[in-house]
Each structure stands twice: as C-alpha cells, then as structure tokens.
C-alpha atoms as a PDB file:
ATOM      1  CA  MET A   1       0.092  -0.220  -0.028  1.00  0.00           C
ATOM      2  CA  GLN A   2       2.726   2.242   0.824  1.00  0.00           C
ATOM      3  CA  ARG A   3       4.716   1.717  -2.398  1.00  0.00           C
ATOM      4  CA  GLN A   4       1.383   2.461  -4.432  1.00  0.00           C
ATOM      5  CA  LEU A   5       1.065   5.786  -2.398  1.00  0.00           C
ATOM      6  CA  LEU A   6       4.767   6.681  -3.031  1.00  0.00           C
ATOM      7  CA  ALA A   7       4.324   5.951  -6.813  1.00  0.00           C
ATOM      8  CA  ALA A   8       0.969   8.027  -6.847  1.00  0.00           C
ATOM      9  CA  ALA A   9       2.946  10.911  -5.217  1.00  0.00           C
ATOM     10  CA  ALA A  10       5.862  10.681  -7.406  1.00  0.00           C
ATOM     11  CA  ARG A  11       3.577  10.777 -10.679  1.00  0.00           C
ATOM     12  CA  ALA A  12       1.696  13.799  -9.194  1.00  0.00           C
ATOM     13  CA  ALA A  13       4.947  15.880  -8.330  1.00  0.00           C
ATOM     14  CA  ARG A  14       6.233  15.075 -12.107  1.00  0.00           C
ATOM     15  CA  ALA A  15       5.405  17.720 -14.726  1.00  0.00           C
ATOM     16  CA  PRO A  16       2.355  16.639 -16.904  1.00  0.00           C
ATOM     17  CA  ALA A  17       3.302  15.642 -20.429  1.00  0.00           C
ATOM     18  CA  THR A  18       1.862  18.094 -22.715  1.00  0.00           C
ATOM     19  CA  ARG A  19       2.553  18.918 -26.328  1.00  0.00           C
ATOM     20  CA  SER A  20       4.306  22.012 -27.049  1.00  0.00           C
ATOM     21  CA  THR A  21       2.209  25.018 -27.994  1.00  0.00           C
ATOM     22  CA  VAL A  22       4.287  25.798 -30.766  1.00  0.00           C
ATOM     23  CA  GLN A  23       3.360  24.278 -33.976  1.00  0.00           C
ATOM     24  CA  ARG A  24       6.193  23.135 -36.055  1.00  0.00           C
ATOM     25  CA  ARG A  25       5.417  23.984 -39.755  1.00  0.00           C
ATOM     26  CA  PHE A  26       7.717  22.510 -42.281  1.00  0.00           C
ATOM     27  CA  ALA A  27       6.493  24.345 -45.228  1.00  0.00           C
ATOM     28  CA  SER A  28       8.316  27.297 -45.888  1.00  0.00           C
ATOM     29  CA  THR A  29       6.608  30.552 -46.596  1.00  0.00           C
ATOM     30  CA  SER A  30       9.580  32.273 -48.402  1.00  0.00           C
ATOM     31  CA  ASP A  31       8.961  32.926 -52.023  1.00  0.00           C
ATOM     32  CA  ASN A  32      10.385  30.218 -54.216  1.00  0.00           C
ATOM     33  CA  ALA A  33       9.838  28.763 -57.652  1.00  0.00           C
ATOM     34  CA  PHE A  34       7.389  25.925 -56.595  1.00  0.00           C
ATOM     35  CA  ILE A  35       4.909  28.515 -54.741  1.00  0.00           C
ATOM     36  CA  ARG A  36       5.074  30.836 -57.487  1.00  0.00           C
ATOM     37  CA  GLU A  37       4.240  27.970 -60.049  1.00  0.00           C
ATOM     38  CA  ARG A  38       1.365  26.672 -57.816  1.00  0.00           C
ATOM     39  CA  GLU A  39       0.034  30.138 -57.527  1.00  0.00           C
ATOM     40  CA  ALA A  40       0.178  30.568 -61.123  1.00  0.00           C
ATOM     41  CA  ALA A  41      -1.510  27.077 -61.677  1.00  0.00           C
ATOM     42  CA  LYS A  42      -4.364  28.260 -59.116  1.00  0.00           C
ATOM     43  CA  HIS A  43      -4.788  31.533 -60.898  1.00  0.00           C
ATOM     44  CA  HIS A  44      -4.957  29.964 -64.394  1.00  0.00           C
ATOM     45  CA  ALA A  45      -7.756  27.412 -62.958  1.00  0.00           C
ATOM     46  CA  ALA A  46      -9.730  30.042 -61.473  1.00  0.00           C
ATOM     47  CA  SER A  47      -9.758  32.258 -64.669  1.00  0.00           C
ATOM     48  CA  THR A  48     -10.473  29.255 -67.074  1.00  0.00           C
ATOM     49  CA  THR A  49     -12.964  27.334 -65.033  1.00  0.00           C
ATOM     50  CA  GLY A  50     -14.666  30.111 -62.988  1.00  0.00           C
ATOM     51  CA  ILE A  51     -15.974  32.437 -65.699  1.00  0.00           C
ATOM     52  CA  CYS A  52     -19.441  33.084 -66.397  1.00  0.00           C
ATOM     53  CA  VAL A  53     -19.652  36.012 -68.957  1.00  0.00           C
ATOM     54  CA  SER A  54     -23.105  37.227 -69.959  1.00  0.00           C
ATOM     55  CA  ALA A  55     -23.325  37.045 -73.779  1.00  0.00           C
ATOM     56  CA  TYR A  56     -25.467  40.053 -73.761  1.00  0.00           C
ATOM     57  CA  HIS A  57     -23.789  42.382 -71.105  1.00  0.00           C
ATOM     58  CA  GLY A  58     -20.158  41.216 -71.311  1.00  0.00           C
ATOM     59  CA  GLN A  59     -20.275  41.264 -67.239  1.00  0.00           C
ATOM     60  CA  HIS A  60     -18.689  38.850 -65.021  1.00  0.00           C
ATOM     61  CA  ILE A  61     -21.356  37.188 -62.825  1.00  0.00           C
ATOM     62  CA  GLU A  62     -20.425  35.973 -59.346  1.00  0.00           C
ATOM     63  CA  LYS A  63     -22.592  33.211 -58.296  1.00  0.00           C
ATOM     64  CA  ASP A  64     -22.518  29.943 -56.067  1.00  0.00           C
ATOM     65  CA  GLY A  65     -20.544  26.999 -57.494  1.00  0.00           C
ATOM     66  CA  ASP A  66     -23.830  25.187 -58.596  1.00  0.00           C
ATOM     67  CA  ASP A  67     -25.225  28.084 -60.584  1.00  0.00           C
ATOM     68  CA  LEU A  68     -22.051  28.820 -61.973  1.00  0.00           C
ATOM     69  CA  SER A  69     -21.285  25.528 -63.329  1.00  0.00           C
ATOM     70  CA  PHE A  70     -25.013  25.232 -64.657  1.00  0.00           C
ATOM     71  CA  GLU A  71     -24.625  28.520 -66.571  1.00  0.00           C
ATOM     72  CA  ARG A  72     -21.208  27.588 -67.820  1.00  0.00           C
ATOM     73  CA  MET A  73     -22.780  24.369 -69.048  1.00  0.00           C
ATOM     74  CA  GLN A  74     -25.444  26.179 -70.873  1.00  0.00           C
ATOM     75  CA  ASP A  75     -23.119  28.596 -72.526  1.00  0.00           C
ATOM     76  CA  VAL A  76     -20.902  25.848 -73.718  1.00  0.00           C
ATOM     77  CA  ILE A  77     -24.060  23.876 -75.239  1.00  0.00           C
ATOM     78  CA  ARG A  78     -25.708  26.990 -76.636  1.00  0.00           C
ATOM     79  CA  GLY A  79     -22.641  28.770 -77.767  1.00  0.00           C
ATOM     80  CA  SER A  80     -22.105  32.250 -76.243  1.00  0.00           C
ATOM     81  CA  ALA A  81     -20.121  35.024 -77.777  1.00  0.00           C
ATOM     82  CA  ARG A  82     -17.003  33.439 -76.615  1.00  0.00           C
ATOM     83  CA  GLU A  83     -17.541  29.963 -77.417  1.00  0.00           C
ATOM     84  CA  SER A  84     -18.535  28.089 -80.673  1.00  0.00           C
ATOM     85  CA  GLY A  85     -20.958  25.664 -78.665  1.00  0.00           C
ATOM     86  CA  CYS A  86     -20.842  21.921 -78.786  1.00  0.00           C
ATOM     87  CA  ILE A  87     -24.096  21.139 -80.497  1.00  0.00           C
ATOM     88  CA  PRO A  88     -22.733  21.503 -83.996  1.00  0.00           C
ATOM     89  CA  ALA A  89     -19.494  19.497 -82.860  1.00  0.00           C
ATOM     90  CA  LEU A  90     -21.880  16.832 -81.583  1.00  0.00           C
ATOM     91  CA  GLY A  91     -23.676  16.761 -84.761  1.00  0.00           C
ATOM     92  CA  LEU A  92     -20.612  16.162 -86.705  1.00  0.00           C
ATOM     93  CA  ALA A  93     -19.240  13.530 -84.300  1.00  0.00           C
ATOM     94  CA  ALA A  94     -22.691  11.773 -84.773  1.00  0.00           C
ATOM     95  CA  ALA A  95     -22.558  12.038 -88.480  1.00  0.00           C
ATOM     96  CA  ASN A  96     -18.810  10.721 -88.627  1.00  0.00           C
ATOM     97  CA  ALA A  97     -19.743   7.826 -86.313  1.00  0.00           C
ATOM     98  CA  TYR A  98     -22.796   6.776 -88.606  1.00  0.00           C
ATOM     99  CA  VAL A  99     -20.370   6.768 -91.601  1.00  0.00           C
ATOM    100  CA  LEU A 100     -17.807   4.821 -89.905  1.00  0.00           C
ATOM    101  CA  TRP A 101     -20.291   2.276 -88.660  1.00  0.00           C
ATOM    102  CA  ASN A 102     -21.890   1.702 -92.250  1.00  0.00           C
ATOM    103  CA  GLU A 103     -18.509   1.539 -93.676  1.00  0.00           C
ATOM    104  CA  HIS A 104     -17.349  -1.200 -91.034  1.00  0.00           C
ATOM    105  CA  TRP A 105     -20.457  -3.450 -91.579  1.00  0.00           C
ATOM    106  CA  GLU A 106     -19.863  -3.005 -95.581  1.00  0.00           C
ATOM    107  CA  HIS A 107     -16.481  -4.101 -95.202  1.00  0.00           C
ATOM    108  CA  TRP A 108     -17.634  -7.231 -93.202  1.00  0.00           C
ATOM    109  CA  SER A 109     -20.226  -8.123 -95.669  1.00  0.00           C
ATOM    110  CA  HIS A 110     -17.636  -8.733 -98.280  1.00  0.00           C
ATOM    111  CA  LEU A 111     -15.701 -11.304 -95.929  1.00  0.00           C
ATOM    112  CA  PRO A 112     -16.399 -14.742 -95.995  1.00  0.00           C
ATOM    113  CA  PRO A 113     -18.495 -16.250 -92.991  1.00  0.00           C
ATOM    114  CA  LEU A 114     -16.535 -16.762 -89.712  1.00  0.00           C
ATOM    115  CA  GLU A 115     -15.634 -20.079 -88.947  1.00  0.00           C
ATOM    116  CA  GLU A 116     -17.311 -22.039 -86.057  1.00  0.00           C
ATOM    117  CA  ARG A 117     -16.283 -20.016 -82.859  1.00  0.00           C
ATOM    118  CA  ALA A 118     -15.301 -21.841 -79.693  1.00  0.00           C
ATOM    119  CA  GLU A 119     -17.895 -21.447 -76.894  1.00  0.00           C
ATOM    120  CA  TYR A 120     -16.325 -21.764 -73.185  1.00  0.00           C
ATOM    121  CA  SER A 121     -18.271 -22.786 -70.194  1.00  0.00           C
ATOM    122  CA  TYR A 122     -18.178 -19.246 -68.736  1.00  0.00           C
ATOM    123  CA  GLN A 123     -19.931 -17.961 -71.846  1.00  0.00           C
ATOM    124  CA  ASN A 124     -23.623 -17.602 -72.382  1.00  0.00           C
ATOM    125  CA  ILE A 125     -24.617 -19.171 -69.054  1.00  0.00           C
ATOM    126  CA  ARG A 126     -28.334 -20.214 -68.936  1.00  0.00           C
ATOM    127  CA  THR A 127     -29.823 -21.540 -65.736  1.00  0.00           C
ATOM    128  CA  LYS A 128     -33.225 -20.894 -66.735  1.00  0.00           C
ATOM    129  CA  ASN A 129     -35.080 -19.513 -70.169  1.00  0.00           C
ATOM    130  CA  PHE A 130     -35.493 -15.682 -70.570  1.00  0.00           C
ATOM    131  CA  GLN A 131     -39.191 -14.518 -70.519  1.00  0.00           C
ATOM    132  CA  TRP A 132     -39.204 -13.224 -74.301  1.00  0.00           C
ATOM    133  CA  GLY A 133     -38.428 -14.697 -77.767  1.00  0.00           C
ATOM    134  CA  ASP A 134     -37.252 -18.321 -77.702  1.00  0.00           C
ATOM    135  CA  GLY A 135     -35.926 -18.112 -74.194  1.00  0.00           C
ATOM    136  CA  ASP A 136     -32.339 -18.512 -75.192  1.00  0.00           C
ATOM    137  CA  LYS A 137     -31.333 -14.956 -76.237  1.00  0.00           C
ATOM    138  CA  THR A 138     -30.561 -12.085 -74.074  1.00  0.00           C
ATOM    139  CA  ILE A 139     -32.671  -8.739 -74.630  1.00  0.00           C
ATOM    140  CA  PHE A 140     -29.921  -7.068 -76.348  1.00  0.00           C
ATOM    141  CA  TRP A 141     -28.980 -10.124 -78.545  1.00  0.00           C
ATOM    142  CA  ASN A 142     -27.494  -9.294 -81.942  1.00  0.00           C
ATOM    143  CA  ASP A 143     -27.308 -12.327 -84.211  1.00  0.00           C
ATOM    144  CA  LYS A 144     -24.598 -10.609 -86.331  1.00  0.00           C
ATOM    145  CA  VAL A 145     -22.283 -10.159 -83.287  1.00  0.00           C
ATOM    146  CA  ASN A 146     -23.287 -12.437 -80.559  1.00  0.00           C
ATOM    147  CA  TYR A 147     -22.613 -16.246 -80.837  1.00  0.00           C
ATOM    148  CA  HIS A 148     -24.512 -18.947 -78.860  1.00  0.00           C
ATOM    149  CA  ASN A 149     -24.343 -22.615 -79.746  1.00  0.00           C
ATOM    150  CA  PRO A 150     -26.913 -24.451 -77.561  1.00  0.00           C
ATOM    151  CA  ASP A 151     -25.856 -27.822 -78.488  1.00  0.00           C
ATOM    152  CA  LYS A 152     -22.338 -27.376 -77.015  1.00  0.00           C
ATOM    153  CA  ALA A 153     -23.343 -25.205 -73.805  1.00  0.00           C
END
C-alpha cells in the first residue's frame, strides 16, 4: 500500500506531459519557384473554369458554384459570344460515327463467314429461359455479333 502511495505521489509531482504549444511547420513561407508555379496554376484554373460571362452584357457574374457551373454548361451547349457551342460538334461527331459504322459493316459483308467459334463454359450461361423470344437470347442479342451454340453449352 505504501509503495502505491509513493508511486502516486511521484507521478503527481512530475510535470504533466503536454504537447508544445508551438506548432512546427515544415512548409516554407518564403517565396520560391514551386510556390510561384502553384499560385500561377491556381490563378489559371480560376480564370478558365470560373468564368461566367453574360453574352448580352459582357459582365462577370458572381454566383455560387452550382449556379455558375450550370450557367457555364448552358453557355457551352448554346454557344455564347466567346464559345462556338458543342451542338454542332456533337452533330458532326454523330455523322462521322454513322459513316464509320456503315463502312465497317459494309467491309464485313464482303468477307467470308466466320468459322465455327469456340464457346467456353463461362459464356452464355443459362440457368433458366428468358421470358421473351425463344428463351435463349438476351434482350440485347444481335445475331450478327453475338454467338451461342445451344448444343455445346
């Protein structure tokens, strides 16, 4: 009992272990090339993504993030005075994709039919019939692309 009291008294007499109130900062606040480059990147990002210029008045509009991004998206889609808009670009991309798609299948129509393809145990697993068609094909089945030999499965 005396030993415990002496140990408790010694603990109480010791200074409590506290952290130093001075915080150690390892980042330098002096000007250097890295800090200048980082600030330049922040300034560039703010100037290119945070812009919402009214096409009618040419004024910078300060708004919350959600409104700003929504208006920015509308400006890009519609095409404001500063931007050409993406609707014509989407139309051209769709027309290009359509032409390439047709060229691809036109090329395949001249090739001889594909030989019998191997079907592996992990392909086209059917535990029960589908509710549509003959019950063997998925809802997105394309006979020109997909292959399933029910005899081998």
